[in-house]
Amino acid sequence: EGMPGYANFAEITCARCFEQKHDGAVYTRWGRSTCPSDSRTIYTGSIAGSGGSAWNSQYGGGANYICLTAEPTMDQFVISSRAGVDAYPTEYGTADISTLHMDAACSVCQTPGRAWSFTVAGRVDCPEGSVADYSGLMMATKHNHHKATEYICIDKDGSVADTDKTIELTSTDFAQASNLFPAETRGSVPGYQNGQDVTCAQCSTPGGPVYVRWGRSTCPVVSSLLYAGYMSSIRHSETGGGYNYLCLHTDPNGSAPSESQDEERSRLYRVEYETMNKGLWSLWRLHDDDVPCAVCQSTGSVASMMQPGNTICPTGWSTEY
C-alpha cells in the first residue's frame, strides 16, 4: 500500500533467479538507488516492510525488509481485497537526518570477481582481504514500535526512492509506512558506550564463504578469523527493533559515543546465556555470561549452510562446528 509504481492492494509478484556462471556475490545496497562503481547493478527500487510503527499498528506480515523493484509486473489481482499481507514504503524516521519521512531507496548489486558477501556490524571498514562495497548505520524499527523488523545496514549517504513525496509529509503519510531508526547500544555492550550508534560495512571477498560462529570467539582450525565480537539484539521486553542477532565488532569505529541516549532510536543490547536448569547440563556454567561470536571465512569451500536438528552434515558437506 502506497508503494511507488504499484497499485494499492495489488499482489506482489516474485521470481527466483539463477545465473549460469558464478560472476560475483549479490547483495542489497540498502538506502541507495545506485550501486558502487565497481559493482554491477541488477535492479533498483525502494525498501518495503510490513508496518509495525507507533502509528501503523499491524503486528503480522514479514519481519524482513525487501528491495521492491521499480519495474513491477502484475498478475491478476482484486483491488477491493484487503485479506492479504500489506507491504508499505519504508521511511527514515529520525529527525537528525536530512531524509526524515522520505521513502528509502535500495539497489541490488553484484561484485564481479568477489564471490562472497558479508556485513560487519560496528565498523565502517572491512577485514584484510575483503573490499568495502559501502558503509553506513545499522537501522530497524524504533525500540517501542509494535513489532520488530530487521537490522539492516543503511548506506551513510542514503538517498530517497523515486517518488513525488517531499519532506513535508503529513502524519497520514507517516502512518502508512514502515519506519527506519538508527540502532544504538544500551546495557553495557562490550566495547561500546551507552547511546553509541552502531555503524556497519557491507564487504565482499574472493577468499571463501563467510559465516558466524555463535558462542565462540575463535574459528575452527580450517577457517580464518575475520573478527571476534559479542552477540547483540533487542531486549526481551521491547517490542520494536530488529529480530535478528548481530555479531558486534569489539573495536568499533565510525561513530562517536554519545553522552545522552536518544529515544528516537532502535536499540541493541548484549545477549546473555540463560541456561541454568535448561537443556544440556554442560551449558549451565555459562549462565548469565555474555555470548561471544566469531566471523569466520572457510577457505577451500564454495558454500556454507546451517543444518538445524542434526550435528552431522549431509553427504558432500564438511562440518565446521
Protein backbone atom coordinates (compact mmCIF):
# COMPACT_ATOMS: atom_id res chain seq x y z
CA GLU A 1 0.00 0.00 0.00
CA GLY A 2 1.42 3.37 -1.07
CA MET A 3 4.46 1.82 -2.80
CA PRO A 4 5.89 3.95 -5.65
CA GLY A 5 4.91 2.45 -9.02
CA TYR A 6 2.45 -0.08 -7.55
CA ALA A 7 -1.34 -0.11 -7.44
CA ASN A 8 -2.72 -0.19 -3.91
CA PHE A 9 -3.87 -3.65 -2.75
CA ALA A 10 -2.23 -5.41 -5.72
CA GLU A 11 -0.50 -8.72 -5.02
CA ILE A 12 3.30 -8.54 -5.27
CA THR A 13 4.83 -11.00 -7.71
CA CYS A 14 8.32 -12.53 -7.46
CA ALA A 15 10.87 -14.59 -9.39
CA ARG A 16 13.62 -16.95 -8.24
CA CYS A 17 16.61 -16.18 -10.47
CA PHE A 18 19.77 -18.15 -11.26
CA GLU A 19 22.97 -17.17 -13.06
CA GLN A 20 24.57 -19.70 -15.38
CA LYS A 21 28.07 -18.80 -14.22
CA HIS A 22 29.18 -17.53 -10.82
CA ASP A 23 30.29 -13.99 -11.54
CA GLY A 24 30.28 -12.41 -8.09
CA ALA A 25 28.31 -12.05 -4.87
CA VAL A 26 24.86 -10.47 -4.94
CA TYR A 27 23.95 -8.07 -2.13
CA THR A 28 21.44 -5.32 -1.40
CA ARG A 29 22.66 -1.76 -1.01
CA TRP A 30 20.06 -0.54 1.47
CA GLY A 31 19.41 3.21 1.28
CA ARG A 32 20.83 3.95 -2.20
CA SER A 33 19.31 3.75 -5.67
CA THR A 34 22.70 3.15 -7.31
CA CYS A 35 25.43 0.54 -6.95
CA PRO A 36 29.13 1.31 -6.27
CA SER A 37 31.23 1.99 -9.36
CA ASP A 38 32.96 -1.41 -9.20
CA SER A 39 29.66 -3.31 -8.81
CA ARG A 40 27.10 -4.30 -11.41
CA THR A 41 23.51 -3.06 -10.98
CA ILE A 42 20.93 -5.85 -11.18
CA TYR A 43 17.91 -3.70 -10.34
CA THR A 44 16.89 -0.66 -8.28
CA GLY A 45 13.81 0.05 -6.21
CA SER A 46 12.53 1.05 -2.80
CA ILE A 47 12.53 -0.63 0.61
CA ALA A 48 9.24 -2.23 1.63
CA GLY A 49 8.15 -3.51 5.04
CA SER A 50 5.05 -4.66 6.89
CA GLY A 51 4.43 -1.65 9.11
CA GLY A 52 4.59 -2.08 12.86
CA SER A 53 5.36 1.55 13.72
CA ALA A 54 3.81 3.51 16.56
CA TRP A 55 1.19 4.74 14.09
CA ASN A 56 0.86 1.67 11.88
CA SER A 57 -0.29 -0.95 14.38
CA GLN A 58 -0.08 -4.07 12.20
CA TYR A 59 1.52 -6.95 14.07
CA GLY A 60 1.53 -9.53 11.28
CA GLY A 61 3.32 -9.77 7.96
CA GLY A 62 7.01 -10.32 7.36
CA ALA A 63 9.71 -9.15 9.74
CA ASN A 64 12.27 -8.76 6.96
CA TYR A 65 12.67 -5.83 4.58
CA ILE A 66 12.57 -6.40 0.82
CA CYS A 67 14.00 -4.34 -2.03
CA LEU A 68 10.93 -3.95 -4.23
CA THR A 69 11.82 -3.40 -7.88
CA ALA A 70 10.92 -0.10 -9.54
CA GLU A 71 9.74 -2.05 -12.62
CA PRO A 72 6.90 -4.29 -11.36
CA THR A 73 4.92 -6.85 -13.32
CA MET A 74 1.43 -7.68 -12.10
CA ASP A 75 -0.55 -10.91 -12.16
CA GLN A 76 -4.32 -10.76 -11.74
CA PHE A 77 -5.47 -9.04 -8.57
CA VAL A 78 -8.60 -7.70 -6.91
CA ILE A 79 -8.38 -4.04 -6.00
CA SER A 80 -11.03 -4.28 -3.29
CA SER A 81 -9.44 -7.23 -1.47
CA ARG A 82 -7.79 -6.48 1.90
CA ALA A 83 -7.29 -10.10 3.02
CA GLY A 84 -3.57 -10.32 2.30
CA VAL A 85 -0.39 -9.09 3.99
CA ASP A 86 0.30 -5.39 3.37
CA ALA A 87 3.69 -4.04 2.25
CA TYR A 88 4.35 -0.36 2.92
CA PRO A 89 7.02 2.13 1.89
CA THR A 90 9.84 2.30 4.43
CA GLU A 91 10.65 5.81 5.60
CA TYR A 92 13.52 7.33 7.55
CA GLY A 93 12.04 8.06 10.95
CA THR A 94 14.54 10.16 12.87
CA ALA A 95 14.83 13.94 12.81
CA ASP A 96 18.66 14.05 12.88
CA ILE A 97 19.00 13.00 9.24
CA SER A 98 18.01 15.14 6.24
CA THR A 99 15.78 12.46 4.71
CA LEU A 100 13.25 12.43 7.58
CA HIS A 101 9.95 10.84 6.44
CA MET A 102 11.28 10.16 2.95
CA ASP A 103 10.87 6.75 1.31
CA ALA A 104 14.17 4.83 1.44
CA ALA A 105 15.70 3.61 -1.82
CA CYS A 106 17.61 0.37 -2.45
CA SER A 107 19.55 -1.39 -5.19
CA VAL A 108 20.57 -5.00 -5.77
CA CYS A 109 24.19 -5.22 -6.85
CA GLN A 110 26.81 -7.79 -7.91
CA THR A 111 30.56 -7.69 -7.23
CA PRO A 112 32.47 -9.14 -10.21
CA GLY A 113 35.47 -11.20 -9.10
CA ARG A 114 34.40 -11.37 -5.45
CA ALA A 115 32.12 -14.33 -4.92
CA TRP A 116 31.07 -13.90 -1.27
CA SER A 117 29.45 -11.02 0.61
CA PHE A 118 29.00 -10.32 4.32
CA THR A 119 28.16 -7.48 6.73
CA VAL A 120 30.40 -6.18 9.53
CA ALA A 121 28.44 -4.71 12.44
CA GLY A 122 30.23 -1.95 14.36
CA ARG A 123 32.83 -0.75 11.84
CA VAL A 124 32.87 1.18 8.57
CA ASP A 125 35.78 -0.79 7.11
CA CYS A 126 36.29 -4.45 6.20
CA PRO A 127 38.80 -7.11 7.30
CA GLU A 128 42.02 -7.58 5.36
CA GLY A 129 41.46 -9.44 2.09
CA SER A 130 37.95 -8.06 1.54
CA VAL A 131 36.56 -4.89 -0.05
CA ALA A 132 34.09 -2.41 1.47
CA ASP A 133 31.25 -2.04 -1.04
CA TYR A 134 29.55 0.58 1.14
CA SER A 135 29.29 1.62 4.78
CA GLY A 136 26.62 3.20 6.95
CA LEU A 137 24.47 2.70 10.04
CA MET A 138 22.54 -0.26 11.35
CA MET A 139 18.82 0.56 11.38
CA ALA A 140 15.50 -1.09 12.25
CA THR A 141 12.15 -0.03 13.74
CA LYS A 142 12.09 2.10 16.88
CA HIS A 143 12.51 0.27 20.20
CA ASN A 144 8.88 0.80 21.29
CA HIS A 145 7.12 0.23 17.98
CA HIS A 146 4.53 -2.51 17.57
CA LYS A 147 6.78 -5.18 16.02
CA ALA A 148 10.43 -5.99 15.43
CA THR A 149 11.64 -5.85 11.84
CA GLU A 150 15.25 -6.46 10.81
CA TYR A 151 18.60 -4.79 11.48
CA ILE A 152 19.92 -3.76 8.06
CA CYS A 153 22.96 -1.71 7.00
CA ILE A 154 21.70 1.60 5.58
CA ASP A 155 24.17 3.49 3.38
CA LYS A 156 25.67 6.55 5.11
CA ASP A 157 24.82 8.63 2.03
CA GLY A 158 21.23 7.44 1.91
CA SER A 159 19.01 8.53 -0.97
CA VAL A 160 15.25 8.52 -1.38
CA ALA A 161 13.12 6.40 -3.66
CA ASP A 162 11.76 7.69 -6.95
CA THR A 163 8.57 9.21 -5.64
CA ASP A 164 6.72 12.51 -5.77
CA LYS A 165 6.74 12.83 -1.96
CA THR A 166 8.55 15.77 -0.42
CA ILE A 167 9.97 16.12 3.04
CA GLU A 168 6.78 17.90 4.12
CA LEU A 169 4.81 14.68 4.56
CA THR A 170 1.63 14.54 6.58
CA SER A 171 1.07 12.38 9.65
CA THR A 172 -1.17 10.21 7.46
CA ASP A 173 1.77 9.51 5.11
CA PHE A 174 3.95 8.54 8.06
CA ALA A 175 1.21 6.30 9.42
CA GLN A 176 1.05 4.38 6.14
CA ALA A 177 4.70 3.36 6.31
CA SER A 178 7.28 1.13 7.88
CA ASN A 179 9.99 3.21 9.57
CA LEU A 180 13.79 3.07 9.99
CA PHE A 181 15.69 4.37 13.02
CA PRO A 182 19.46 4.15 13.74
CA ALA A 183 20.38 1.42 16.22
CA GLU A 184 22.27 2.47 19.35
CA THR A 185 23.82 0.33 22.08
CA ARG A 186 22.33 0.05 25.55
CA GLY A 187 23.11 -2.01 28.62
CA SER A 188 26.94 -2.12 28.63
CA VAL A 189 27.63 -3.83 25.31
CA PRO A 190 31.36 -4.80 25.39
CA GLY A 191 33.46 -2.21 23.54
CA TYR A 192 30.65 0.37 23.28
CA GLN A 193 29.32 3.24 25.35
CA ASN A 194 25.61 3.51 26.06
CA GLY A 195 23.88 5.53 23.36
CA GLN A 196 26.53 4.87 20.69
CA ASP A 197 25.15 4.47 17.17
CA VAL A 198 26.23 1.20 15.55
CA THR A 199 27.98 1.57 12.20
CA CYS A 200 28.30 -1.13 9.55
CA ALA A 201 30.12 -2.10 6.38
CA GLN A 202 29.00 -4.31 3.52
CA CYS A 203 32.01 -6.34 2.40
CA SER A 204 32.84 -8.72 -0.42
CA THR A 205 35.71 -11.16 -0.77
CA PRO A 206 37.17 -13.70 -3.22
CA GLY A 207 38.58 -15.80 -0.37
CA GLY A 208 35.71 -18.13 0.50
CA PRO A 209 32.29 -18.24 2.19
CA VAL A 210 31.85 -16.25 5.41
CA TYR A 211 29.75 -17.38 8.38
CA VAL A 212 29.24 -16.53 12.06
CA ARG A 213 30.31 -18.99 14.75
CA TRP A 214 27.85 -18.14 17.51
CA GLY A 215 29.05 -18.85 21.05
CA ARG A 216 32.80 -18.83 20.37
CA SER A 217 35.39 -16.10 19.88
CA THR A 218 37.62 -18.30 17.72
CA CYS A 219 37.16 -20.11 14.41
CA PRO A 220 37.69 -23.81 13.61
CA VAL A 221 41.23 -24.70 12.52
CA VAL A 222 40.13 -24.98 8.88
CA SER A 223 38.79 -21.38 8.85
CA SER A 224 40.29 -17.90 9.22
CA LEU A 225 39.11 -15.39 11.83
CA LEU A 226 37.87 -12.15 10.23
CA TYR A 227 36.84 -10.61 13.54
CA ALA A 228 35.61 -11.56 17.01
CA GLY A 229 32.78 -9.90 18.89
CA TYR A 230 29.71 -10.33 21.06
CA MET A 231 26.14 -11.18 20.18
CA SER A 232 23.66 -8.31 20.31
CA SER A 233 19.94 -7.90 19.71
CA ILE A 234 16.79 -6.30 21.14
CA ARG A 235 15.89 -6.51 24.81
CA HIS A 236 13.40 -9.25 25.70
CA SER A 237 10.85 -6.73 26.99
CA GLU A 238 10.93 -4.37 23.99
CA THR A 239 8.58 -4.81 21.05
CA GLY A 240 10.46 -2.89 18.35
CA GLY A 241 13.95 -3.09 16.89
CA GLY A 242 15.34 -5.99 14.88
CA TYR A 243 14.51 -9.67 15.21
CA ASN A 244 17.95 -10.83 14.07
CA TYR A 245 21.13 -11.27 16.12
CA LEU A 246 24.25 -9.31 15.18
CA CYS A 247 27.89 -10.13 15.86
CA LEU A 248 29.11 -6.71 17.04
CA HIS A 249 32.79 -5.99 16.47
CA THR A 250 34.58 -5.36 19.79
CA ASP A 251 36.64 -2.50 18.31
CA PRO A 252 34.02 -0.17 16.78
CA ASN A 253 34.71 2.89 14.64
CA GLY A 254 32.83 5.47 12.62
CA SER A 255 30.57 6.83 15.37
CA ALA A 256 31.31 8.99 18.37
CA PRO A 257 29.96 7.83 21.74
CA SER A 258 27.03 9.95 22.88
CA GLU A 259 26.60 11.20 26.41
CA SER A 260 22.83 11.24 26.01
CA GLN A 261 20.69 8.33 24.98
CA ASP A 262 18.28 9.14 22.15
CA GLU A 263 14.68 7.95 22.35
CA GLU A 264 14.36 8.23 18.56
CA ARG A 265 16.39 5.05 18.08
CA SER A 266 16.30 1.34 17.68
CA ARG A 267 18.32 -0.36 20.41
CA LEU A 268 20.92 -3.12 20.68
CA TYR A 269 21.70 -4.94 23.93
CA ARG A 270 24.26 -7.58 24.87
CA VAL A 271 23.00 -11.16 24.77
CA GLU A 272 23.42 -13.45 27.80
CA TYR A 273 23.13 -17.18 28.26
CA GLU A 274 20.00 -18.25 30.20
CA THR A 275 20.99 -21.89 30.64
CA MET A 276 20.63 -22.76 34.32
CA ASN A 277 18.49 -25.91 34.67
CA LYS A 278 17.74 -25.79 30.96
CA GLY A 279 18.90 -28.06 28.17
CA LEU A 280 22.35 -29.65 28.34
CA TRP A 281 23.83 -29.59 31.84
CA SER A 282 27.25 -28.75 30.35
CA LEU A 283 25.90 -25.29 29.45
CA TRP A 284 24.76 -24.45 32.99
CA ARG A 285 28.19 -22.97 33.81
CA LEU A 286 27.64 -20.29 31.14
CA HIS A 287 24.52 -18.91 32.82
CA ASP A 288 24.43 -15.06 32.70
CA ASP A 289 27.69 -14.86 30.68
CA ASP A 290 27.76 -12.61 27.60
CA VAL A 291 27.63 -14.68 24.40
CA PRO A 292 30.72 -14.29 22.18
CA CYS A 293 30.81 -14.74 18.43
CA ALA A 294 33.37 -15.03 15.65
CA VAL A 295 33.04 -14.16 11.97
CA CYS A 296 34.95 -16.81 10.05
CA GLN A 297 36.00 -17.47 6.48
CA SER A 298 36.19 -21.01 5.19
CA THR A 299 38.99 -21.42 2.66
CA GLY A 300 38.67 -24.12 0.02
CA SER A 301 34.85 -24.22 0.25
CA VAL A 302 32.28 -22.79 -2.13
CA ALA A 303 29.16 -22.59 0.07
CA SER A 304 28.08 -22.54 3.71
CA MET A 305 24.81 -23.52 5.41
CA MET A 306 23.45 -24.25 8.87
CA GLN A 307 21.53 -27.51 9.39
CA PRO A 308 19.09 -27.44 12.35
CA GLY A 309 18.39 -30.66 14.23
CA ASN A 310 21.48 -32.70 13.31
CA THR A 311 25.18 -32.41 14.21
CA ILE A 312 26.32 -34.37 11.13
CA CYS A 313 26.35 -32.58 7.80
CA PRO A 314 24.84 -34.21 4.67
CA THR A 315 27.00 -36.23 2.30
CA GLY A 316 29.39 -33.97 0.39
CA TRP A 317 29.47 -31.31 3.13
CA SER A 318 32.08 -30.96 5.88
CA THR A 319 31.26 -29.96 9.47
CA GLU A 320 32.80 -26.62 10.53
CA TYR A 321 31.37 -26.66 14.06
